[in-house]
Amino acid sequence: MSQTESFSIIGEETMPDHVYRIIQVAGSSGKSIEDAIQNAVGRASRTLRQVGWFEVVETRGHVEDGKVAHYQVTLKVGFTLDDDD
């Protein structure tokens, strides 16, 4: 997938023709994978305008004393580029 790409159909739903920029971010949490995703998306949304989607590309964690101590996820995050108008 390229850095910018136009999507018009996802499944059966029609989407407007937007061009997206795709970046990767990593989020972490001591609580859960879901919290790690929320942390990453929330932080990206504070910096970027028009965040529209994410894809989890990697999940990993840290183990201490035989138990999961920390979760980390790497996400691709897509946001719509501003129009030139």
PDB file of N, CA and C in Angstrom:
ATOM      1  N   MET A   1       0.845  -1.172   0.000  1.00  0.00           N
ATOM      2  CA  MET A   1       0.000   0.000   0.000  1.00  0.00           C
ATOM      3  C   MET A   1       0.888   1.231   0.000  1.00  0.00           C
ATOM      4  N   SER A   2       0.535   2.230  -0.787  1.00  0.00           N
ATOM      5  CA  SER A   2       1.361   3.430  -0.895  1.00  0.00           C
ATOM      6  C   SER A   2       1.061   4.401   0.242  1.00  0.00           C
ATOM      7  N   GLN A   3       1.906   5.421   0.381  1.00  0.00           N
ATOM      8  CA  GLN A   3       1.712   6.429   1.419  1.00  0.00           C
ATOM      9  C   GLN A   3       0.406   7.193   1.249  1.00  0.00           C
ATOM     10  N   THR A   4      -0.001   7.446   0.016  1.00  0.00           N
ATOM     11  CA  THR A   4      -1.288   8.082  -0.237  1.00  0.00           C
ATOM     12  C   THR A   4      -2.061   7.189  -1.181  1.00  0.00           C
ATOM     13  N   GLU A   5      -3.342   7.047  -0.914  1.00  0.00           N
ATOM     14  CA  GLU A   5      -4.141   6.154  -1.725  1.00  0.00           C
ATOM     15  C   GLU A   5      -5.584   6.618  -1.681  1.00  0.00           C
ATOM     16  N   SER A   6      -6.269   6.499  -2.796  1.00  0.00           N
ATOM     17  CA  SER A   6      -7.671   6.870  -2.866  1.00  0.00           C
ATOM     18  C   SER A   6      -8.514   5.615  -2.748  1.00  0.00           C
ATOM     19  N   PHE A   7      -9.495   5.634  -1.863  1.00  0.00           N
ATOM     20  CA  PHE A   7     -10.393   4.514  -1.669  1.00  0.00           C
ATOM     21  C   PHE A   7     -11.780   4.934  -2.106  1.00  0.00           C
ATOM     22  N   SER A   8     -12.493   4.068  -2.829  1.00  0.00           N
ATOM     23  CA  SER A   8     -13.857   4.415  -3.183  1.00  0.00           C
ATOM     24  C   SER A   8     -14.866   3.409  -2.663  1.00  0.00           C
ATOM     25  N   ILE A   9     -14.480   2.151  -2.474  1.00  0.00           N
ATOM     26  CA  ILE A   9     -15.423   1.170  -1.951  1.00  0.00           C
ATOM     27  C   ILE A   9     -14.714   0.306  -0.917  1.00  0.00           C
ATOM     28  N   ILE A  10     -15.334   0.136   0.227  1.00  0.00           N
ATOM     29  CA  ILE A  10     -14.861  -0.794   1.237  1.00  0.00           C
ATOM     30  C   ILE A  10     -16.017  -1.758   1.464  1.00  0.00           C
ATOM     31  N   GLY A  11     -15.830  -3.011   1.121  1.00  0.00           N
ATOM     32  CA  GLY A  11     -16.923  -3.974   1.209  1.00  0.00           C
ATOM     33  C   GLY A  11     -18.024  -3.546   0.263  1.00  0.00           C
ATOM     34  N   GLU A  12     -19.216  -3.401   0.784  1.00  0.00           N
ATOM     35  CA  GLU A  12     -20.365  -2.986  -0.014  1.00  0.00           C
ATOM     36  C   GLU A  12     -20.633  -1.488   0.104  1.00  0.00           C
ATOM     37  N   GLU A  13     -19.986  -0.821   1.056  1.00  0.00           N
ATOM     38  CA  GLU A  13     -20.263   0.585   1.302  1.00  0.00           C
ATOM     39  C   GLU A  13     -19.429   1.473   0.393  1.00  0.00           C
ATOM     40  N   THR A  14     -20.041   2.529  -0.132  1.00  0.00           N
ATOM     41  CA  THR A  14     -19.321   3.496  -0.944  1.00  0.00           C
ATOM     42  C   THR A  14     -18.754   4.570  -0.019  1.00  0.00           C
ATOM     43  N   MET A  15     -17.511   4.941  -0.261  1.00  0.00           N
ATOM     44  CA  MET A  15     -16.845   5.984   0.500  1.00  0.00           C
ATOM     45  C   MET A  15     -16.498   7.120  -0.437  1.00  0.00           C
ATOM     46  N   PRO A  16     -16.519   8.346   0.073  1.00  0.00           N
ATOM     47  CA  PRO A  16     -16.071   9.460  -0.780  1.00  0.00           C
ATOM     48  C   PRO A  16     -14.623   9.231  -1.212  1.00  0.00           C
ATOM     49  N   ASP A  17     -14.264   9.791  -2.358  1.00  0.00           N
ATOM     50  CA  ASP A  17     -12.888   9.663  -2.842  1.00  0.00           C
ATOM     51  C   ASP A  17     -11.996  10.638  -2.093  1.00  0.00           C
ATOM     52  N   HIS A  18     -11.331  10.158  -1.067  1.00  0.00           N
ATOM     53  CA  HIS A  18     -10.391  10.952  -0.284  1.00  0.00           C
ATOM     54  C   HIS A  18      -8.998  10.411  -0.521  1.00  0.00           C
ATOM     55  N   VAL A  19      -8.025  11.233  -0.278  1.00  0.00           N
ATOM     56  CA  VAL A  19      -6.639  10.795  -0.291  1.00  0.00           C
ATOM     57  C   VAL A  19      -6.178  10.810   1.157  1.00  0.00           C
ATOM     58  N   TYR A  20      -5.574   9.709   1.573  1.00  0.00           N
ATOM     59  CA  TYR A  20      -5.147   9.558   2.949  1.00  0.00           C
ATOM     60  C   TYR A  20      -3.635   9.526   3.046  1.00  0.00           C
ATOM     61  N   ARG A  21      -3.133  10.042   4.129  1.00  0.00           N
ATOM     62  CA  ARG A  21      -1.731   9.876   4.501  1.00  0.00           C
ATOM     63  C   ARG A  21      -1.724   8.774   5.551  1.00  0.00           C
ATOM     64  N   ILE A  22      -0.759   7.881   5.482  1.00  0.00           N
ATOM     65  CA  ILE A  22      -0.687   6.761   6.413  1.00  0.00           C
ATOM     66  C   ILE A  22       0.618   6.860   7.195  1.00  0.00           C
ATOM     67  N   ILE A  23       0.489   6.806   8.524  1.00  0.00           N
ATOM     68  CA  ILE A  23       1.665   6.814   9.386  1.00  0.00           C
ATOM     69  C   ILE A  23       1.591   5.599  10.309  1.00  0.00           C
ATOM     70  N   GLN A  24       2.686   5.296  10.955  1.00  0.00           N
ATOM     71  CA  GLN A  24       2.683   4.241  11.962  1.00  0.00           C
ATOM     72  C   GLN A  24       2.948   4.848  13.327  1.00  0.00           C
ATOM     73  N   VAL A  25       2.188   4.370  14.310  1.00  0.00           N
ATOM     74  CA  VAL A  25       2.385   4.779  15.698  1.00  0.00           C
ATOM     75  C   VAL A  25       2.345   3.530  16.569  1.00  0.00           C
ATOM     76  N   ALA A  26       2.944   3.622  17.736  1.00  0.00           N
ATOM     77  CA  ALA A  26       2.893   2.519  18.698  1.00  0.00           C
ATOM     78  C   ALA A  26       2.252   3.032  19.971  1.00  0.00           C
ATOM     79  N   GLY A  27       1.348   2.238  20.517  1.00  0.00           N
ATOM     80  CA  GLY A  27       0.706   2.568  21.784  1.00  0.00           C
ATOM     81  C   GLY A  27       0.967   1.465  22.778  1.00  0.00           C
ATOM     82  N   SER A  28       0.958   1.838  24.059  1.00  0.00           N
ATOM     83  CA  SER A  28       1.208   0.827  25.075  1.00  0.00           C
ATOM     84  C   SER A  28       0.263   1.010  26.250  1.00  0.00           C
ATOM     85  N   SER A  29       0.118  -0.062  27.030  1.00  0.00           N
ATOM     86  CA  SER A  29      -0.732  -0.042  28.211  1.00  0.00           C
ATOM     87  C   SER A  29      -0.333  -1.192  29.122  1.00  0.00           C
ATOM     88  N   GLY A  30      -0.431  -0.975  30.391  1.00  0.00           N
ATOM     89  CA  GLY A  30      -0.230  -2.050  31.360  1.00  0.00           C
ATOM     90  C   GLY A  30      -1.511  -2.808  31.614  1.00  0.00           C
ATOM     91  N   LYS A  31      -2.615  -2.343  31.020  1.00  0.00           N
ATOM     92  CA  LYS A  31      -3.938  -2.901  31.300  1.00  0.00           C
ATOM     93  C   LYS A  31      -4.424  -3.896  30.237  1.00  0.00           C
ATOM     94  N   SER A  32      -4.400  -3.483  28.929  1.00  0.00           N
ATOM     95  CA  SER A  32      -4.950  -4.347  27.882  1.00  0.00           C
ATOM     96  C   SER A  32      -4.509  -3.888  26.495  1.00  0.00           C
ATOM     97  N   ILE A  33      -4.707  -4.786  25.522  1.00  0.00           N
ATOM     98  CA  ILE A  33      -4.442  -4.435  24.126  1.00  0.00           C
ATOM     99  C   ILE A  33      -5.375  -3.316  23.687  1.00  0.00           C
ATOM    100  N   GLU A  34      -6.640  -3.401  24.086  1.00  0.00           N
ATOM    101  CA  GLU A  34      -7.609  -2.369  23.713  1.00  0.00           C
ATOM    102  C   GLU A  34      -7.188  -0.997  24.228  1.00  0.00           C
ATOM    103  N   ASP A  35      -6.697  -0.943  25.462  1.00  0.00           N
ATOM    104  CA  ASP A  35      -6.220   0.338  26.004  1.00  0.00           C
ATOM    105  C   ASP A  35      -4.997   0.840  25.244  1.00  0.00           C
ATOM    106  N   ALA A  36      -4.127  -0.076  24.832  1.00  0.00           N
ATOM    107  CA  ALA A  36      -2.959   0.327  24.046  1.00  0.00           C
ATOM    108  C   ALA A  36      -3.398   0.933  22.717  1.00  0.00           C
ATOM    109  N   ILE A  37      -4.422   0.348  22.078  1.00  0.00           N
ATOM    110  CA  ILE A  37      -4.969   0.903  20.836  1.00  0.00           C
ATOM    111  C   ILE A  37      -5.574   2.274  21.100  1.00  0.00           C
ATOM    112  N   GLN A  38      -6.391   2.390  22.136  1.00  0.00           N
ATOM    113  CA  GLN A  38      -7.020   3.680  22.472  1.00  0.00           C
ATOM    114  C   GLN A  38      -5.961   4.747  22.744  1.00  0.00           C
ATOM    115  N   ASN A  39      -4.895   4.390  23.449  1.00  0.00           N
ATOM    116  CA  ASN A  39      -3.821   5.349  23.735  1.00  0.00           C
ATOM    117  C   ASN A  39      -3.168   5.839  22.445  1.00  0.00           C
ATOM    118  N   ALA A  40      -2.894   4.920  21.530  1.00  0.00           N
ATOM    119  CA  ALA A  40      -2.244   5.297  20.263  1.00  0.00           C
ATOM    120  C   ALA A  40      -3.163   6.161  19.403  1.00  0.00           C
ATOM    121  N   VAL A  41      -4.419   5.743  19.240  1.00  0.00           N
ATOM    122  CA  VAL A  41      -5.366   6.507  18.415  1.00  0.00           C
ATOM    123  C   VAL A  41      -5.664   7.863  19.049  1.00  0.00           C
ATOM    124  N   GLY A  42      -5.840   7.883  20.351  1.00  0.00           N
ATOM    125  CA  GLY A  42      -6.115   9.145  21.046  1.00  0.00           C
ATOM    126  C   GLY A  42      -4.982  10.144  20.898  1.00  0.00           C
ATOM    127  N   ARG A  43      -3.765   9.668  21.039  1.00  0.00           N
ATOM    128  CA  ARG A  43      -2.608  10.559  20.912  1.00  0.00           C
ATOM    129  C   ARG A  43      -2.450  11.048  19.480  1.00  0.00           C
ATOM    130  N   ALA A  44      -2.609  10.157  18.509  1.00  0.00           N
ATOM    131  CA  ALA A  44      -2.511  10.556  17.102  1.00  0.00           C
ATOM    132  C   ALA A  44      -3.588  11.580  16.766  1.00  0.00           C
ATOM    133  N   SER A  45      -4.780  11.414  17.312  1.00  0.00           N
ATOM    134  CA  SER A  45      -5.898  12.332  17.031  1.00  0.00           C
ATOM    135  C   SER A  45      -5.680  13.721  17.624  1.00  0.00           C
ATOM    136  N   ARG A  46      -4.880  13.818  18.663  1.00  0.00           N
ATOM    137  CA  ARG A  46      -4.585  15.141  19.228  1.00  0.00           C
ATOM    138  C   ARG A  46      -3.603  15.915  18.354  1.00  0.00           C
ATOM    139  N   THR A  47      -2.811  15.209  17.566  1.00  0.00           N
ATOM    140  CA  THR A  47      -1.806  15.837  16.718  1.00  0.00           C
ATOM    141  C   THR A  47      -2.281  16.005  15.278  1.00  0.00           C
ATOM    142  N   LEU A  48      -3.022  15.030  14.778  1.00  0.00           N
ATOM    143  CA  LEU A  48      -3.439  15.002  13.374  1.00  0.00           C
ATOM    144  C   LEU A  48      -4.918  15.355  13.244  1.00  0.00           C
ATOM    145  N   ARG A  49      -5.257  16.051  12.153  1.00  0.00           N
ATOM    146  CA  ARG A  49      -6.668  16.326  11.861  1.00  0.00           C
ATOM    147  C   ARG A  49      -7.221  15.204  10.995  1.00  0.00           C
ATOM    148  N   GLN A  50      -8.497  14.937  11.142  1.00  0.00           N
ATOM    149  CA  GLN A  50      -9.245  14.042  10.270  1.00  0.00           C
ATOM    150  C   GLN A  50      -8.724  12.610  10.264  1.00  0.00           C
ATOM    151  N   VAL A  51      -8.371  12.088  11.452  1.00  0.00           N
ATOM    152  CA  VAL A  51      -8.007  10.671  11.549  1.00  0.00           C
ATOM    153  C   VAL A  51      -9.259   9.862  11.237  1.00  0.00           C
ATOM    154  N   GLY A  52      -9.146   8.931  10.280  1.00  0.00           N
ATOM    155  CA  GLY A  52     -10.328   8.215   9.837  1.00  0.00           C
ATOM    156  C   GLY A  52     -10.314   6.720  10.079  1.00  0.00           C
ATOM    157  N   TRP A  53      -9.149   6.127  10.254  1.00  0.00           N
ATOM    158  CA  TRP A  53      -9.102   4.679  10.428  1.00  0.00           C
ATOM    159  C   TRP A  53      -7.755   4.255  10.989  1.00  0.00           C
ATOM    160  N   PHE A  54      -7.716   3.012  11.463  1.00  0.00           N
ATOM    161  CA  PHE A  54      -6.455   2.426  11.913  1.00  0.00           C
ATOM    162  C   PHE A  54      -6.454   0.939  11.581  1.00  0.00           C
ATOM    163  N   GLU A  55      -5.260   0.382  11.549  1.00  0.00           N
ATOM    164  CA  GLU A  55      -5.066  -1.054  11.338  1.00  0.00           C
ATOM    165  C   GLU A  55      -3.970  -1.514  12.289  1.00  0.00           C
ATOM    166  N   VAL A  56      -4.253  -2.523  13.080  1.00  0.00           N
ATOM    167  CA  VAL A  56      -3.231  -3.085  13.969  1.00  0.00           C
ATOM    168  C   VAL A  56      -2.306  -3.954  13.111  1.00  0.00           C
ATOM    169  N   VAL A  57      -1.027  -3.610  13.095  1.00  0.00           N
ATOM    170  CA  VAL A  57      -0.069  -4.363  12.278  1.00  0.00           C
ATOM    171  C   VAL A  57       0.853  -5.246  13.123  1.00  0.00           C
ATOM    172  N   GLU A  58       0.923  -4.976  14.408  1.00  0.00           N
ATOM    173  CA  GLU A  58       1.761  -5.792  15.278  1.00  0.00           C
ATOM    174  C   GLU A  58       1.260  -5.683  16.710  1.00  0.00           C
ATOM    175  N   THR A  59       1.271  -6.796  17.403  1.00  0.00           N
ATOM    176  CA  THR A  59       0.910  -6.833  18.821  1.00  0.00           C
ATOM    177  C   THR A  59       2.028  -7.567  19.552  1.00  0.00           C
ATOM    178  N   ARG A  60       2.463  -6.999  20.635  1.00  0.00           N
ATOM    179  CA  ARG A  60       3.483  -7.666  21.430  1.00  0.00           C
ATOM    180  C   ARG A  60       3.339  -7.235  22.878  1.00  0.00           C
ATOM    181  N   GLY A  61       4.126  -7.819  23.747  1.00  0.00           N
ATOM    182  CA  GLY A  61       4.032  -7.484  25.164  1.00  0.00           C
ATOM    183  C   GLY A  61       5.300  -7.845  25.906  1.00  0.00           C
ATOM    184  N   HIS A  62       5.267  -7.508  27.154  1.00  0.00           N
ATOM    185  CA  HIS A  62       6.399  -7.742  28.045  1.00  0.00           C
ATOM    186  C   HIS A  62       5.921  -8.665  29.166  1.00  0.00           C
ATOM    187  N   VAL A  63       6.735  -9.667  29.480  1.00  0.00           N
ATOM    188  CA  VAL A  63       6.379 -10.640  30.515  1.00  0.00           C
ATOM    189  C   VAL A  63       7.320 -10.472  31.698  1.00  0.00           C
ATOM    190  N   GLU A  64       6.721 -10.453  32.895  1.00  0.00           N
ATOM    191  CA  GLU A  64       7.497 -10.427  34.143  1.00  0.00           C
ATOM    192  C   GLU A  64       6.936 -11.487  35.074  1.00  0.00           C
ATOM    193  N   ASP A  65       7.793 -12.285  35.639  1.00  0.00           N
ATOM    194  CA  ASP A  65       7.391 -13.345  36.582  1.00  0.00           C
ATOM    195  C   ASP A  65       6.293 -14.234  36.019  1.00  0.00           C
ATOM    196  N   GLY A  66       6.393 -14.549  34.726  1.00  0.00           N
ATOM    197  CA  GLY A  66       5.441 -15.452  34.107  1.00  0.00           C
ATOM    198  C   GLY A  66       4.081 -14.856  33.807  1.00  0.00           C
ATOM    199  N   LYS A  67       3.937 -13.537  33.947  1.00  0.00           N
ATOM    200  CA  LYS A  67       2.659 -12.865  33.690  1.00  0.00           C
ATOM    201  C   LYS A  67       2.860 -11.702  32.733  1.00  0.00           C
ATOM    202  N   VAL A  68       1.801 -11.394  31.985  1.00  0.00           N
ATOM    203  CA  VAL A  68       1.855 -10.243  31.070  1.00  0.00           C
ATOM    204  C   VAL A  68       1.926  -8.978  31.911  1.00  0.00           C
ATOM    205  N   ALA A  69       2.967  -8.193  31.681  1.00  0.00           N
ATOM    206  CA  ALA A  69       3.165  -6.960  32.439  1.00  0.00           C
ATOM    207  C   ALA A  69       2.809  -5.722  31.621  1.00  0.00           C
ATOM    208  N   HIS A  70       2.901  -5.832  30.293  1.00  0.00           N
ATOM    209  CA  HIS A  70       2.698  -4.658  29.451  1.00  0.00           C
ATOM    210  C   HIS A  70       2.312  -5.091  28.044  1.00  0.00           C
ATOM    211  N   TYR A  71       1.415  -4.350  27.418  1.00  0.00           N
ATOM    212  CA  TYR A  71       0.984  -4.608  26.043  1.00  0.00           C
ATOM    213  C   TYR A  71       1.471  -3.467  25.155  1.00  0.00           C
ATOM    214  N   GLN A  72       1.859  -3.793  23.931  1.00  0.00           N
ATOM    215  CA  GLN A  72       2.220  -2.774  22.954  1.00  0.00           C
ATOM    216  C   GLN A  72       1.647  -3.164  21.599  1.00  0.00           C
ATOM    217  N   VAL A  73       1.070  -2.186  20.909  1.00  0.00           N
ATOM    218  CA  VAL A  73       0.541  -2.408  19.564  1.00  0.00           C
ATOM    219  C   VAL A  73       1.156  -1.381  18.623  1.00  0.00           C
ATOM    220  N   THR A  74       1.413  -1.812  17.407  1.00  0.00           N
ATOM    221  CA  THR A  74       1.835  -0.900  16.346  1.00  0.00           C
ATOM    222  C   THR A  74       0.662  -0.781  15.391  1.00  0.00           C
ATOM    223  N   LEU A  75       0.296   0.460  15.074  1.00  0.00           N
ATOM    224  CA  LEU A  75      -0.855   0.732  14.227  1.00  0.00           C
ATOM    225  C   LEU A  75      -0.447   1.510  12.992  1.00  0.00           C
ATOM    226  N   LYS A  76      -1.115   1.229  11.879  1.00  0.00           N
ATOM    227  CA  LYS A  76      -1.130   2.154  10.752  1.00  0.00           C
ATOM    228  C   LYS A  76      -2.336   3.046  11.004  1.00  0.00           C
ATOM    229  N   VAL A  77      -2.149   4.339  10.896  1.00  0.00           N
ATOM    230  CA  VAL A  77      -3.225   5.302  11.108  1.00  0.00           C
ATOM    231  C   VAL A  77      -3.383   6.111   9.831  1.00  0.00           C
ATOM    232  N   GLY A  78      -4.605   6.193   9.334  1.00  0.00           N
ATOM    233  CA  GLY A  78      -4.882   6.963   8.126  1.00  0.00           C
ATOM    234  C   GLY A  78      -5.648   8.227   8.449  1.00  0.00           C
ATOM    235  N   PHE A  79      -5.221   9.325   7.858  1.00  0.00           N
ATOM    236  CA  PHE A  79      -5.942  10.584   8.032  1.00  0.00           C
ATOM    237  C   PHE A  79      -6.078  11.264   6.686  1.00  0.00           C
ATOM    238  N   THR A  80      -7.207  11.965   6.506  1.00  0.00           N
ATOM    239  CA  THR A  80      -7.510  12.622   5.240  1.00  0.00           C
ATOM    240  C   THR A  80      -6.649  13.854   5.081  1.00  0.00           C
ATOM    241  N   LEU A  81      -6.044  13.997   3.913  1.00  0.00           N
ATOM    242  CA  LEU A  81      -5.265  15.197   3.622  1.00  0.00           C
ATOM    243  C   LEU A  81      -6.217  16.359   3.368  1.00  0.00           C
ATOM    244  N   ASP A  82      -5.832  17.546   3.817  1.00  0.00           N
ATOM    245  CA  ASP A  82      -6.651  18.734   3.600  1.00  0.00           C
ATOM    246  C   ASP A  82      -6.790  19.019   2.118  1.00  0.00           C
ATOM    247  N   ASP A  83      -7.960  19.543   1.731  1.00  0.00           N
ATOM    248  CA  ASP A  83      -8.162  19.968   0.343  1.00  0.00           C
ATOM    249  C   ASP A  83      -7.309  21.185   0.053  1.00  0.00           C
ATOM    250  N   ASP A  84      -7.029  21.408  -1.238  1.00  0.00           N
ATOM    251  CA  ASP A  84      -6.202  22.549  -1.645  1.00  0.00           C
ATOM    252  C   ASP A  84      -6.968  23.865  -1.661  1.00  0.00           C
ATOM    253  N   ASP A  85      -8.310  23.823  -1.481  1.00  0.00           N
ATOM    254  CA  ASP A  85      -9.089  25.069  -1.591  1.00  0.00           C
ATOM    255  C   ASP A  85      -8.714  26.053  -0.535  1.00  0.00           C
TER     256      ASP A  85
END
